Amino acid sequence: MNTHTERVYVKVNSDFDSTGYMQPRTITWADGRTFQIDEVRDFRPASTLGRGHRGDCYTIIIHGVEKHLFFERADSGFASQIGRWFVELPAV
């Protein structure tokens, strides 16, 4: 069984509430497919393994299926770049 995963960086549209909480709303893949996020079930800090970056893991529901969506925070040396989103998929 292959347990290796690869990161796939995706476009995410999100809202920010008045407290600054970031709420992801949709995911768009490189091929243009867009999926509505039905629910955010959980949020927790999660370092990005092997990269030394801080990040967050969102447990989300899309079409009734639970997935993990990660936000990888950018290096603080890049003021205009906050971070980027990715999902982990089984490596082929």
C-alpha atoms as a PDB file:
ATOM      1  CA  MET A   1       0.000   0.000   0.000  1.00  0.00           C
ATOM      2  CA  ASN A   2       1.371   3.425  -1.002  1.00  0.00           C
ATOM      3  CA  THR A   3       1.182   5.931   1.877  1.00  0.00           C
ATOM      4  CA  HIS A   4       3.068   8.722   0.141  1.00  0.00           C
ATOM      5  CA  THR A   5       1.171  11.862  -0.711  1.00  0.00           C
ATOM      6  CA  GLU A   6       1.792  14.828  -2.935  1.00  0.00           C
ATOM      7  CA  ARG A   7       0.696  18.396  -2.434  1.00  0.00           C
ATOM      8  CA  VAL A   8      -1.612  19.886  -4.984  1.00  0.00           C
ATOM      9  CA  TYR A   9      -1.841  23.658  -4.691  1.00  0.00           C
ATOM     10  CA  VAL A  10      -5.323  25.016  -5.337  1.00  0.00           C
ATOM     11  CA  LYS A  11      -7.120  28.339  -5.547  1.00  0.00           C
ATOM     12  CA  VAL A  12      -9.397  28.966  -2.570  1.00  0.00           C
ATOM     13  CA  ASN A  13     -11.920  31.749  -2.179  1.00  0.00           C
ATOM     14  CA  SER A  14     -12.419  32.647   1.458  1.00  0.00           C
ATOM     15  CA  ASP A  15     -14.144  35.207   3.642  1.00  0.00           C
ATOM     16  CA  PHE A  16     -12.705  36.993   6.652  1.00  0.00           C
ATOM     17  CA  ASP A  17     -14.961  37.859   9.566  1.00  0.00           C
ATOM     18  CA  SER A  18     -14.584  40.900  11.818  1.00  0.00           C
ATOM     19  CA  THR A  19     -12.229  38.975  14.134  1.00  0.00           C
ATOM     20  CA  GLY A  20      -9.905  38.078  11.244  1.00  0.00           C
ATOM     21  CA  TYR A  21     -10.945  34.400  11.078  1.00  0.00           C
ATOM     22  CA  MET A  22     -10.409  33.030   7.549  1.00  0.00           C
ATOM     23  CA  GLN A  23     -13.331  30.901   6.311  1.00  0.00           C
ATOM     24  CA  PRO A  24     -12.671  28.974   3.069  1.00  0.00           C
ATOM     25  CA  ARG A  25     -15.729  28.895   0.764  1.00  0.00           C
ATOM     26  CA  THR A  26     -14.712  27.276  -2.547  1.00  0.00           C
ATOM     27  CA  ILE A  27     -11.811  25.280  -4.005  1.00  0.00           C
ATOM     28  CA  THR A  28     -10.814  25.616  -7.665  1.00  0.00           C
ATOM     29  CA  TRP A  29      -8.497  23.053  -9.259  1.00  0.00           C
ATOM     30  CA  ALA A  30      -5.975  23.938 -11.978  1.00  0.00           C
ATOM     31  CA  ASP A  31      -8.340  22.524 -14.623  1.00  0.00           C
ATOM     32  CA  GLY A  32     -11.049  25.011 -13.590  1.00  0.00           C
ATOM     33  CA  ARG A  33     -13.348  22.687 -11.642  1.00  0.00           C
ATOM     34  CA  THR A  34     -14.771  24.549  -8.634  1.00  0.00           C
ATOM     35  CA  PHE A  35     -16.291  22.942  -5.551  1.00  0.00           C
ATOM     36  CA  GLN A  36     -18.370  24.648  -2.877  1.00  0.00           C
ATOM     37  CA  ILE A  37     -17.227  23.930   0.698  1.00  0.00           C
ATOM     38  CA  ASP A  38     -20.396  22.904   2.519  1.00  0.00           C
ATOM     39  CA  GLU A  39     -18.987  23.088   6.038  1.00  0.00           C
ATOM     40  CA  VAL A  40     -15.787  23.681   8.005  1.00  0.00           C
ATOM     41  CA  ARG A  41     -15.831  21.056  10.753  1.00  0.00           C
ATOM     42  CA  ASP A  42     -12.507  21.795  12.382  1.00  0.00           C
ATOM     43  CA  PHE A  43      -9.555  24.133  12.260  1.00  0.00           C
ATOM     44  CA  ARG A  44      -6.179  23.626  13.890  1.00  0.00           C
ATOM     45  CA  PRO A  45      -2.606  24.811  13.546  1.00  0.00           C
ATOM     46  CA  ALA A  46      -0.489  22.332  11.597  1.00  0.00           C
ATOM     47  CA  SER A  47       3.117  22.743  10.534  1.00  0.00           C
ATOM     48  CA  THR A  48       3.841  21.787   6.965  1.00  0.00           C
ATOM     49  CA  LEU A  49       5.948  18.685   7.221  1.00  0.00           C
ATOM     50  CA  GLY A  50       9.478  18.909   5.941  1.00  0.00           C
ATOM     51  CA  ARG A  51       9.156  22.523   4.842  1.00  0.00           C
ATOM     52  CA  GLY A  52       9.562  24.421   8.103  1.00  0.00           C
ATOM     53  CA  HIS A  53       6.523  26.619   7.429  1.00  0.00           C
ATOM     54  CA  ARG A  54       3.709  27.280   9.837  1.00  0.00           C
ATOM     55  CA  GLY A  55       0.259  26.474   8.607  1.00  0.00           C
ATOM     56  CA  ASP A  56      -3.286  25.462   9.370  1.00  0.00           C
ATOM     57  CA  CYS A  57      -5.424  22.430   8.643  1.00  0.00           C
ATOM     58  CA  TYR A  58      -9.112  22.848   7.892  1.00  0.00           C
ATOM     59  CA  THR A  59     -11.345  19.789   8.039  1.00  0.00           C
ATOM     60  CA  ILE A  60     -13.982  20.517   5.415  1.00  0.00           C
ATOM     61  CA  ILE A  61     -17.040  18.865   3.906  1.00  0.00           C
ATOM     62  CA  ILE A  62     -17.573  18.838   0.129  1.00  0.00           C
ATOM     63  CA  HIS A  63     -20.595  16.925  -1.223  1.00  0.00           C
ATOM     64  CA  GLY A  64     -20.889  15.073   2.106  1.00  0.00           C
ATOM     65  CA  VAL A  65     -17.250  13.884   2.070  1.00  0.00           C
ATOM     66  CA  GLU A  66     -14.724  14.961   4.700  1.00  0.00           C
ATOM     67  CA  LYS A  67     -11.430  16.327   3.350  1.00  0.00           C
ATOM     68  CA  HIS A  68      -8.404  18.179   4.712  1.00  0.00           C
ATOM     69  CA  LEU A  69      -7.441  21.557   3.286  1.00  0.00           C
ATOM     70  CA  PHE A  70      -4.138  23.092   4.324  1.00  0.00           C
ATOM     71  CA  PHE A  71      -3.048  26.706   4.430  1.00  0.00           C
ATOM     72  CA  GLU A  72       0.727  27.085   4.251  1.00  0.00           C
ATOM     73  CA  ARG A  73       1.839  30.456   5.637  1.00  0.00           C
ATOM     74  CA  ALA A  74       4.446  32.299   3.606  1.00  0.00           C
ATOM     75  CA  ASP A  75       7.815  33.365   4.916  1.00  0.00           C
ATOM     76  CA  SER A  76       7.383  36.660   6.778  1.00  0.00           C
ATOM     77  CA  GLY A  77       9.967  38.227   4.445  1.00  0.00           C
ATOM     78  CA  PHE A  78       7.335  38.472   1.703  1.00  0.00           C
ATOM     79  CA  ALA A  79       4.929  41.172   2.877  1.00  0.00           C
ATOM     80  CA  SER A  80       2.513  40.846  -0.061  1.00  0.00           C
ATOM     81  CA  GLN A  81       2.326  37.034   0.053  1.00  0.00           C
ATOM     82  CA  ILE A  82       0.315  35.653   2.973  1.00  0.00           C
ATOM     83  CA  GLY A  83       0.392  31.994   2.003  1.00  0.00           C
ATOM     84  CA  ARG A  84      -1.129  29.378  -0.247  1.00  0.00           C
ATOM     85  CA  TRP A  85      -3.602  26.521  -0.061  1.00  0.00           C
ATOM     86  CA  PHE A  86      -3.058  22.842  -0.850  1.00  0.00           C
ATOM     87  CA  VAL A  87      -4.647  19.426  -0.533  1.00  0.00           C
ATOM     88  CA  GLU A  88      -2.747  16.175  -0.174  1.00  0.00           C
ATOM     89  CA  LEU A  89      -3.495  13.420  -2.660  1.00  0.00           C
ATOM     90  CA  PRO A  90      -2.080   9.900  -2.868  1.00  0.00           C
ATOM     91  CA  ALA A  91       1.094   9.897  -4.961  1.00  0.00           C
ATOM     92  CA  VAL A  92       0.890   7.883  -8.145  1.00  0.00           C
END
